Amino acid sequence: MIQQNSRPWPFQRQEMGRNVTGLGEFSALTDREVVLRRPVSGDAPMVLAGSQDPLVREFMQGVFPHADEAAAARWIETVPPLLWEQGRAAYFTVESDGLPVGWGELVAVKRAEGTAEAAVWLLPQARRMRTATAALRLVCRYGFEQLDLRRIDAYAAADNMPVQVVGAFIGFRRAGFRPGLFRSSRTHQLHDAVHATLVPEDLC
């Protein structure tokens, strides 16, 4: 999905249950359309553009636009590695045709419970159905295959139908409706949200 999760940037919830010290090693995942890899400081232009993109900021909560590429690079070098080491979130750069074009993530990771929340956003030039579905599928594959998750949740703004279509295409099933779940980072308006969920056997 171009976006799903209502808390897409640094996520500060405390883990419940078993203490998880980290998410371990990660090798890039790929299919014919995209590559999913760990972010590096060279991805700063992409992260900067995404943090300032009107669509990303409208449909995701807590997106604070970076001031410049240096600020984006500092964020990449500090926040994603810290949350990865703490076992709380996994952040990825989405590559297409050798270029960084978007962002994927699993947040609210609860390995003791086998759950997490997924989100993907893409820059305007990469917002194609094939790219979005491939990126989201790889994020979910990582969660199921390497973290042994049993369920991945996603939350999409009710008025953002393309996101819901992308999720449904790879197997997410609608699980509920959440009125006024999150506030737009751009307009500060409350968005109703559709809750969808995915289990390993439904991923396609």
Protein backbone atom coordinates (compact mmCIF):
# COMPACT_ATOMS: atom_id res chain seq x y z
CA MET A 1 0.00 0.00 0.00
CA ILE A 2 1.13 3.54 -0.57
CA GLN A 3 0.24 4.02 3.06
CA GLN A 4 -1.52 1.99 5.65
CA ASN A 5 -0.33 2.61 9.11
CA SER A 6 -1.58 5.61 11.07
CA ARG A 7 1.74 5.94 12.94
CA PRO A 8 4.34 5.79 10.17
CA TRP A 9 7.35 7.55 11.67
CA PRO A 10 9.27 6.92 14.92
CA PHE A 11 6.93 4.77 17.01
CA GLN A 12 7.34 5.04 20.77
CA ARG A 13 4.99 2.36 22.17
CA GLN A 14 6.57 0.07 24.79
CA GLU A 15 6.69 -3.64 23.94
CA MET A 16 4.35 -5.83 25.95
CA GLY A 17 5.15 -9.40 26.91
CA ARG A 18 8.49 -11.03 26.09
CA ASN A 19 11.44 -8.68 25.84
CA VAL A 20 12.75 -8.56 22.27
CA THR A 21 16.29 -7.27 21.91
CA GLY A 22 16.43 -6.91 18.15
CA LEU A 23 15.21 -8.02 14.76
CA GLY A 24 18.47 -9.66 13.72
CA GLU A 25 20.22 -9.61 10.38
CA PHE A 26 18.45 -8.76 7.16
CA SER A 27 19.39 -9.46 3.56
CA ALA A 28 17.65 -7.54 0.81
CA LEU A 29 14.47 -9.09 -0.57
CA THR A 30 13.62 -8.74 -4.23
CA ASP A 31 11.18 -9.70 -6.93
CA ARG A 32 10.95 -8.64 -10.56
CA GLU A 33 9.56 -5.21 -9.67
CA VAL A 34 11.29 -3.91 -6.53
CA VAL A 35 14.09 -4.44 -4.03
CA LEU A 36 13.49 -4.07 -0.28
CA ARG A 37 16.62 -3.20 1.71
CA ARG A 38 17.77 -1.46 4.87
CA PRO A 39 17.90 2.35 4.57
CA VAL A 40 21.22 4.15 4.17
CA SER A 41 22.12 7.83 4.47
CA GLY A 42 22.24 8.08 0.67
CA ASP A 43 18.44 7.63 0.69
CA ALA A 44 18.07 11.09 2.26
CA PRO A 45 16.72 12.79 -0.90
CA MET A 46 13.96 10.18 -1.16
CA VAL A 47 13.06 10.40 2.54
CA LEU A 48 13.09 14.20 2.37
CA ALA A 49 10.77 14.19 -0.64
CA GLY A 50 8.42 11.72 1.00
CA SER A 51 8.23 13.69 4.24
CA GLN A 52 7.15 16.75 2.23
CA ASP A 53 4.81 15.00 -0.21
CA PRO A 54 1.20 16.23 0.17
CA LEU A 55 -0.36 12.77 -0.29
CA VAL A 56 1.95 11.08 2.21
CA ARG A 57 1.35 13.84 4.75
CA GLU A 58 -2.42 13.86 4.20
CA PHE A 59 -2.98 10.16 4.74
CA MET A 60 -0.37 9.40 7.37
CA GLN A 61 -0.14 10.66 10.92
CA GLY A 62 2.99 12.06 12.54
CA VAL A 63 4.91 12.81 9.32
CA PHE A 64 7.14 15.73 10.17
CA PRO A 65 8.83 17.22 7.06
CA HIS A 66 12.59 17.19 7.28
CA ALA A 67 14.20 20.59 6.80
CA ASP A 68 16.81 19.37 4.31
CA GLU A 69 18.74 16.32 3.15
CA ALA A 70 21.18 16.57 6.04
CA ALA A 71 18.32 16.35 8.54
CA ALA A 72 16.82 13.40 6.66
CA ALA A 73 20.21 11.64 6.65
CA ARG A 74 20.60 12.14 10.40
CA TRP A 75 17.15 10.63 10.96
CA ILE A 76 18.00 7.61 8.78
CA GLU A 77 21.26 7.06 10.64
CA THR A 78 19.72 7.21 14.12
CA VAL A 79 16.03 6.30 14.38
CA PRO A 80 15.58 3.23 12.12
CA PRO A 81 18.70 1.43 13.47
CA LEU A 82 17.71 2.14 17.07
CA LEU A 83 14.17 0.80 16.71
CA TRP A 84 15.46 -2.19 14.72
CA GLU A 85 17.92 -3.04 17.51
CA GLN A 86 15.16 -2.67 20.10
CA GLY A 87 12.92 -5.01 18.11
CA ARG A 88 10.17 -2.39 17.86
CA ALA A 89 10.09 -1.53 14.16
CA ALA A 90 11.61 -2.49 10.83
CA TYR A 91 12.17 0.23 8.23
CA PHE A 92 13.05 -0.37 4.58
CA THR A 93 13.92 1.52 1.45
CA VAL A 94 11.95 0.49 -1.64
CA GLU A 95 14.04 0.44 -4.82
CA SER A 96 12.76 0.27 -8.38
CA ASP A 97 15.01 0.26 -11.44
CA GLY A 98 17.96 0.78 -9.12
CA LEU A 99 16.60 3.97 -7.55
CA PRO A 100 15.13 4.56 -4.08
CA VAL A 101 11.47 5.40 -4.69
CA GLY A 102 9.68 4.76 -1.42
CA TRP A 103 9.52 3.47 2.09
CA GLY A 104 8.24 0.28 3.73
CA GLU A 105 7.87 -0.57 7.37
CA LEU A 106 6.60 -2.85 10.07
CA VAL A 107 5.82 -1.00 13.30
CA ALA A 108 4.16 -1.92 16.57
CA VAL A 109 6.12 -5.17 16.30
CA LYS A 110 5.08 -7.61 19.04
CA ARG A 111 6.97 -10.79 18.39
CA ALA A 112 5.66 -12.47 21.54
CA GLU A 113 2.14 -11.99 20.17
CA GLY A 114 3.15 -12.51 16.55
CA THR A 115 1.72 -9.22 15.29
CA ALA A 116 2.79 -5.96 13.65
CA GLU A 117 1.40 -3.13 11.51
CA ALA A 118 2.52 -2.57 7.92
CA ALA A 119 2.81 0.53 5.77
CA VAL A 120 4.33 1.49 2.43
CA TRP A 121 4.51 4.86 0.70
CA LEU A 122 5.90 5.70 -2.72
CA LEU A 123 7.05 8.87 -4.40
CA PRO A 124 4.69 10.18 -7.12
CA GLN A 125 6.77 8.87 -10.02
CA ALA A 126 6.61 5.32 -8.59
CA ARG A 127 2.92 5.13 -7.71
CA ARG A 128 2.05 2.18 -9.86
CA MET A 129 -0.04 -0.80 -8.85
CA ARG A 130 2.76 -3.29 -9.59
CA THR A 131 5.32 -1.35 -7.56
CA ALA A 132 2.99 -0.81 -4.61
CA THR A 133 1.84 -4.42 -4.41
CA ALA A 134 5.37 -5.77 -4.82
CA ALA A 135 6.70 -3.52 -2.05
CA LEU A 136 3.92 -4.38 0.37
CA ARG A 137 4.21 -8.08 -0.40
CA LEU A 138 7.95 -8.03 0.40
CA VAL A 139 7.37 -6.18 3.68
CA CYS A 140 4.83 -8.82 4.69
CA ARG A 141 7.09 -11.66 3.56
CA TYR A 142 9.80 -10.33 5.84
CA GLY A 143 7.36 -10.26 8.76
CA PHE A 144 6.08 -13.77 8.18
CA GLU A 145 9.27 -15.51 7.06
CA GLN A 146 11.92 -13.83 9.20
CA LEU A 147 9.98 -12.63 12.27
CA ASP A 148 7.51 -15.54 12.38
CA LEU A 149 4.57 -13.17 12.69
CA ARG A 150 1.09 -14.69 12.72
CA ARG A 151 -0.83 -11.56 11.71
CA ILE A 152 -0.06 -8.23 10.07
CA ASP A 153 -2.53 -5.37 10.43
CA ALA A 154 -2.95 -2.30 8.25
CA TYR A 155 -4.98 0.89 8.57
CA ALA A 156 -5.95 2.89 5.49
CA ALA A 157 -7.90 6.13 5.33
CA ALA A 158 -11.44 5.29 4.29
CA ASP A 159 -11.26 7.92 1.53
CA ASN A 160 -7.97 6.55 0.16
CA MET A 161 -9.32 3.75 -2.00
CA PRO A 162 -6.09 3.00 -3.95
CA VAL A 163 -4.44 1.91 -0.72
CA GLN A 164 -7.26 -0.46 0.09
CA VAL A 165 -7.11 -1.97 -3.40
CA VAL A 166 -3.37 -2.62 -3.09
CA GLY A 167 -3.85 -4.38 0.22
CA ALA A 168 -6.73 -6.50 -1.02
CA PHE A 169 -4.69 -7.51 -4.06
CA ILE A 170 -2.08 -9.28 -1.93
CA GLY A 171 -4.56 -10.85 0.49
CA PHE A 172 -5.48 -8.34 3.19
CA ARG A 173 -9.04 -8.80 4.39
CA ARG A 174 -11.21 -6.04 5.82
CA ALA A 175 -11.55 -6.49 9.58
CA GLY A 176 -13.29 -3.34 10.74
CA PHE A 177 -13.96 0.40 10.54
CA ARG A 178 -12.37 2.92 12.92
CA PRO A 179 -14.03 6.37 12.93
CA GLY A 180 -11.62 9.29 13.32
CA LEU A 181 -8.65 7.00 13.90
CA PHE A 182 -5.87 9.35 12.85
CA ARG A 183 -5.14 12.98 12.16
CA SER A 184 -3.68 14.18 8.87
CA SER A 185 -0.15 15.55 9.15
CA ARG A 186 -0.95 18.10 6.44
CA THR A 187 -4.46 19.39 7.17
CA HIS A 188 -4.85 18.11 10.76
CA GLN A 189 -8.26 16.73 9.82
CA LEU A 190 -9.39 13.45 11.33
CA HIS A 191 -9.65 10.52 8.92
CA ASP A 192 -11.85 7.49 9.38
CA ALA A 193 -9.89 4.32 8.77
CA VAL A 194 -10.46 0.85 7.37
CA HIS A 195 -8.73 -1.90 9.34
CA ALA A 196 -7.44 -4.84 7.29
CA THR A 197 -5.53 -7.89 8.39
CA LEU A 198 -3.32 -10.50 6.72
CA VAL A 199 -2.23 -13.97 7.83
CA PRO A 200 0.58 -16.00 6.20
CA GLU A 201 -1.66 -18.39 4.30
CA ASP A 202 -3.54 -15.51 2.64
CA LEU A 203 -0.47 -13.70 1.27
CA CYS A 204 -0.54 -13.87 -2.50
